[in-house]
Amino acid sequence: MTTAVAEDRLAVLEAKLDAVSHQLDFVAAALREQGVRRGMWDELRHDLAPVTAEAMERVSRELDEVRGFIEPAGLLRLVKRLVRDLPYLESLLDQVESLSALGADLSPLSRDMLMAAMARLDDFQRRGYFAFARGLSQVADQVVASLGEEEWQALAHGAPGAIRALKEVAPGLGRALQEPPGETPGLMRLVWRLRRPGARRGLARALAALEALGGPAVDPAAGIATNSPTNR
């Protein structure tokens, strides 16, 4: 009986010793790992010491250069204002992010619009619109170079009458051009049609236009007619 109790106590003691041994092994491993980490930090600190010293020296030199322009009170006031305006800065950053997201969403659309515009311009180029525009530009340059200020003023004064004449002639001329061509009228029939008031008015306007085209050229600077039989 006594031997069995002793053996039980010995087994319990051995179990406790085993538990203590495991704990000691864990503590020893932790100490070894901590020593390794301490060695790594020491090595890193040793490697960074020259870089840190150089950086601090560089910062000190830069601060010495701007020391005359920056006051501690102003720097402290700037820091306080930045801290006070942090909500506004966050709102500004949110707006920038929103604009960035909008730009990312519009980028495919703008690319498609650019490609469509380039295709349209290429179609205009192939169809000759640009060559036509260049020709019109050259014609406009020649017209502008050949007309003086007085001639432009004369055109401006005569433009309303010409526009009114075109408005009056356009409807009848359009109807006449839309009528299907018939047989060619004879000379007597044409003369007979001159009895109509409209035909006589049209003939009068045509003769007035021909007379204006064949009339003497007026020199705007001199204000006299030239190239006429009476002035030769």
Protein backbone atom coordinates (compact mmCIF):
# COMPACT_ATOMS: atom_id res chain seq x y z
CA MET A 1 0.00 0.00 0.00
CA THR A 2 2.75 2.40 0.94
CA THR A 3 4.72 1.43 -2.16
CA ALA A 4 1.76 2.17 -4.45
CA VAL A 5 1.22 5.61 -2.91
CA ALA A 6 4.91 6.41 -3.30
CA GLU A 7 4.83 5.38 -6.94
CA ASP A 8 1.80 7.57 -7.58
CA ARG A 9 3.48 10.54 -5.97
CA LEU A 10 6.62 9.86 -7.99
CA ALA A 11 4.57 9.79 -11.23
CA VAL A 12 2.86 13.07 -10.34
CA LEU A 13 6.23 14.62 -9.55
CA GLU A 14 7.67 13.43 -12.86
CA ALA A 15 4.67 14.90 -14.73
CA LYS A 16 5.20 18.24 -12.99
CA LEU A 17 8.90 18.14 -13.82
CA ASP A 18 8.06 17.41 -17.45
CA ALA A 19 5.64 20.38 -17.53
CA VAL A 20 8.26 22.64 -15.97
CA SER A 21 10.82 21.39 -18.52
CA HIS A 22 8.47 22.22 -21.40
CA GLN A 23 7.85 25.69 -19.98
CA LEU A 24 11.58 26.25 -19.61
CA ASP A 25 12.11 25.17 -23.20
CA PHE A 26 9.42 27.65 -24.34
CA VAL A 27 10.98 30.45 -22.29
CA ALA A 28 14.42 29.62 -23.66
CA ALA A 29 13.10 29.65 -27.25
CA ALA A 30 11.39 32.99 -26.62
CA LEU A 31 14.58 34.42 -25.16
CA ARG A 32 16.56 33.16 -28.16
CA GLU A 33 14.04 34.71 -30.58
CA GLN A 34 14.10 37.96 -28.65
CA GLY A 35 17.89 37.93 -28.77
CA VAL A 36 17.79 37.39 -32.53
CA ARG A 37 15.34 40.26 -32.96
CA ARG A 38 17.46 42.49 -30.73
CA GLY A 39 20.47 41.65 -32.84
CA MET A 40 18.57 42.48 -36.03
CA TRP A 41 17.46 45.84 -34.62
CA ASP A 42 20.99 46.58 -33.46
CA GLU A 43 22.32 45.76 -36.91
CA LEU A 44 19.65 47.89 -38.57
CA ARG A 45 20.33 50.77 -36.18
CA HIS A 46 24.03 50.44 -36.89
CA ASP A 47 23.39 50.53 -40.64
CA LEU A 48 20.96 53.45 -40.44
CA ALA A 49 23.05 55.54 -38.08
CA PRO A 50 25.17 57.19 -40.87
CA VAL A 51 22.12 57.75 -43.07
CA THR A 52 20.16 59.25 -40.17
CA ALA A 53 23.05 61.49 -39.21
CA GLU A 54 23.44 62.71 -42.79
CA ALA A 55 19.67 63.30 -43.09
CA MET A 56 19.60 65.28 -39.85
CA GLU A 57 22.58 67.31 -41.02
CA ARG A 58 20.85 68.00 -44.35
CA VAL A 59 17.62 69.03 -42.59
CA SER A 60 19.60 71.26 -40.23
CA ARG A 61 21.31 73.00 -43.16
CA GLU A 62 17.99 73.50 -44.98
CA LEU A 63 16.37 74.90 -41.85
CA ASP A 64 19.32 77.24 -41.34
CA GLU A 65 18.80 78.57 -44.88
CA VAL A 66 15.09 79.34 -44.34
CA ARG A 67 15.38 80.36 -40.71
CA GLY A 68 15.27 84.03 -41.68
CA PHE A 69 12.01 83.53 -43.58
CA ILE A 70 10.12 81.35 -41.10
CA GLU A 71 9.19 82.35 -37.60
CA PRO A 72 8.24 79.79 -34.95
CA ALA A 73 5.01 81.66 -34.27
CA GLY A 74 4.04 81.60 -37.95
CA LEU A 75 4.88 77.90 -38.24
CA LEU A 76 2.81 77.15 -35.15
CA ARG A 77 -0.06 79.22 -36.55
CA LEU A 78 0.13 77.28 -39.83
CA VAL A 79 0.04 73.96 -37.98
CA LYS A 80 -2.97 75.10 -35.95
CA ARG A 81 -4.78 76.22 -39.09
CA LEU A 82 -4.08 72.90 -40.80
CA VAL A 83 -5.43 71.03 -37.82
CA ARG A 84 -8.50 73.29 -37.70
CA ASP A 85 -9.15 72.93 -41.45
CA LEU A 86 -8.78 69.17 -41.60
CA PRO A 87 -12.52 68.70 -42.40
CA TYR A 88 -12.20 71.08 -45.36
CA LEU A 89 -9.08 69.26 -46.55
CA GLU A 90 -10.93 65.95 -46.32
CA SER A 91 -13.84 67.43 -48.29
CA LEU A 92 -11.40 68.71 -50.92
CA LEU A 93 -9.80 65.28 -51.19
CA ASP A 94 -13.26 63.72 -51.57
CA GLN A 95 -14.01 66.12 -54.43
CA VAL A 96 -10.70 65.28 -56.10
CA GLU A 97 -11.49 61.59 -55.81
CA SER A 98 -14.96 62.20 -57.27
CA LEU A 99 -13.45 64.12 -60.19
CA SER A 100 -10.95 61.33 -60.72
CA ALA A 101 -13.74 58.75 -60.78
CA LEU A 102 -15.73 60.95 -63.18
CA GLY A 103 -12.72 61.25 -65.47
CA ALA A 104 -12.28 57.49 -65.42
CA ASP A 105 -15.96 57.07 -66.35
CA LEU A 106 -15.81 59.67 -69.13
CA SER A 107 -12.54 58.45 -70.60
CA PRO A 108 -14.12 55.72 -72.80
CA LEU A 109 -16.83 58.15 -73.94
CA SER A 110 -14.32 60.85 -74.85
CA ARG A 111 -12.23 58.28 -76.69
CA ASP A 112 -15.27 57.21 -78.73
CA MET A 113 -16.14 60.84 -79.48
CA LEU A 114 -12.57 61.54 -80.60
CA MET A 115 -12.56 58.51 -82.89
CA ALA A 116 -15.93 59.54 -84.37
CA ALA A 117 -14.65 63.10 -84.94
CA MET A 118 -11.49 61.80 -86.62
CA ALA A 119 -13.54 59.51 -88.85
CA ARG A 120 -15.82 62.41 -89.77
CA LEU A 121 -12.87 64.66 -90.60
CA ASP A 122 -11.34 61.91 -92.72
CA ASP A 123 -14.64 61.61 -94.60
CA PHE A 124 -14.67 65.37 -95.19
CA GLN A 125 -11.10 65.18 -96.46
CA ARG A 126 -11.90 62.38 -98.89
CA ARG A 127 -15.02 64.16 -100.17
CA GLY A 128 -13.07 67.37 -100.86
CA TYR A 129 -14.62 69.70 -98.28
CA PHE A 130 -11.23 70.91 -97.07
CA ALA A 131 -10.02 71.59 -100.61
CA PHE A 132 -13.25 73.49 -101.26
CA ALA A 133 -12.73 75.53 -98.09
CA ARG A 134 -9.15 76.34 -99.11
CA GLY A 135 -10.39 77.46 -102.54
CA LEU A 136 -13.04 79.67 -100.95
CA SER A 137 -10.40 81.14 -98.64
CA GLN A 138 -8.20 82.02 -101.61
CA VAL A 139 -11.16 83.56 -103.46
CA ALA A 140 -12.09 85.55 -100.35
CA ASP A 141 -8.50 86.78 -100.02
CA GLN A 142 -8.50 87.95 -103.62
CA VAL A 143 -11.89 89.67 -103.24
CA VAL A 144 -10.80 91.43 -100.05
CA ALA A 145 -7.51 92.51 -101.63
CA SER A 146 -9.23 93.85 -104.78
CA LEU A 147 -11.92 95.90 -103.05
CA GLY A 148 -11.31 99.08 -101.15
CA GLU A 149 -13.19 100.65 -98.27
CA GLU A 150 -15.32 102.85 -100.54
CA GLU A 151 -16.25 99.86 -102.70
CA TRP A 152 -17.29 97.88 -99.64
CA GLN A 153 -19.42 100.81 -98.52
CA ALA A 154 -21.01 100.96 -101.97
CA LEU A 155 -21.75 97.23 -101.79
CA ALA A 156 -23.21 97.69 -98.34
CA HIS A 157 -25.51 100.46 -99.60
CA GLY A 158 -26.58 98.42 -102.62
CA ALA A 159 -27.05 95.12 -100.78
CA PRO A 160 -30.57 95.87 -99.40
CA GLY A 161 -31.91 96.71 -102.84
CA ALA A 162 -30.33 93.59 -104.34
CA ILE A 163 -31.81 91.44 -101.58
CA ARG A 164 -35.25 92.95 -102.11
CA ALA A 165 -34.96 92.32 -105.85
CA LEU A 166 -33.97 88.71 -105.24
CA LYS A 167 -36.92 88.26 -102.88
CA GLU A 168 -39.29 89.60 -105.52
CA VAL A 169 -37.78 87.58 -108.37
CA ALA A 170 -37.13 84.31 -106.53
CA PRO A 171 -40.75 82.98 -106.35
CA GLY A 172 -41.57 83.59 -110.01
CA LEU A 173 -38.15 82.39 -111.16
CA GLY A 174 -38.54 79.24 -109.11
CA ARG A 175 -41.94 78.49 -110.63
CA ALA A 176 -40.61 79.15 -114.13
CA LEU A 177 -37.67 76.79 -113.61
CA GLN A 178 -39.91 74.07 -112.16
CA GLU A 179 -42.25 74.10 -115.16
CA PRO A 180 -41.57 71.23 -117.58
CA PRO A 181 -39.94 72.40 -120.82
CA GLY A 182 -42.39 72.70 -123.72
CA GLU A 183 -41.93 73.43 -127.36
CA THR A 184 -39.69 76.33 -128.28
CA PRO A 185 -41.86 79.44 -128.77
CA GLY A 186 -41.51 81.44 -131.91
CA LEU A 187 -40.41 85.06 -132.21
CA MET A 188 -43.94 86.41 -132.63
CA ARG A 189 -45.13 84.54 -129.56
CA LEU A 190 -42.26 86.00 -127.55
CA VAL A 191 -43.11 89.46 -128.78
CA TRP A 192 -46.75 88.86 -127.93
CA ARG A 193 -45.75 87.85 -124.37
CA LEU A 194 -44.06 91.22 -123.95
CA ARG A 195 -47.56 92.70 -123.72
CA ARG A 196 -47.86 91.20 -120.22
CA PRO A 197 -46.93 93.61 -117.38
CA GLY A 198 -44.80 91.01 -115.64
CA ALA A 199 -42.76 90.34 -118.77
CA ARG A 200 -42.21 94.07 -119.32
CA ARG A 201 -41.14 94.56 -115.71
CA GLY A 202 -38.72 91.64 -115.97
CA LEU A 203 -37.34 92.95 -119.25
CA ALA A 204 -36.89 96.41 -117.71
CA ARG A 205 -35.00 94.94 -114.78
CA ALA A 206 -32.83 92.86 -117.09
CA LEU A 207 -32.02 95.90 -119.22
CA ALA A 208 -31.21 97.92 -116.08
CA ALA A 209 -28.84 95.19 -114.92
CA LEU A 210 -27.17 95.05 -118.34
CA GLU A 211 -26.85 98.82 -118.37
CA ALA A 212 -25.25 98.74 -114.91
CA LEU A 213 -22.80 96.07 -116.05
CA GLY A 214 -21.87 97.99 -119.17
CA GLY A 215 -21.80 101.41 -117.56
CA PRO A 216 -18.65 103.44 -116.84
CA ALA A 217 -16.42 102.39 -113.97
CA VAL A 218 -16.36 104.88 -111.13
CA ASP A 219 -13.08 105.67 -109.45
CA PRO A 220 -13.87 105.79 -105.70
CA ALA A 221 -10.88 108.05 -104.95
CA ALA A 222 -11.54 110.57 -107.71
CA GLY A 223 -15.30 110.22 -107.78
CA ILE A 224 -15.42 110.42 -111.61
CA ALA A 225 -16.34 107.90 -114.32
CA THR A 226 -13.58 106.32 -116.38
CA ASN A 227 -13.37 104.12 -119.50
CA SER A 228 -16.49 105.73 -120.99
CA PRO A 229 -16.74 107.05 -124.58
CA THR A 230 -17.36 110.60 -123.36
CA ASN A 231 -14.29 110.63 -121.13
CA ARG A 232 -11.82 109.24 -123.69
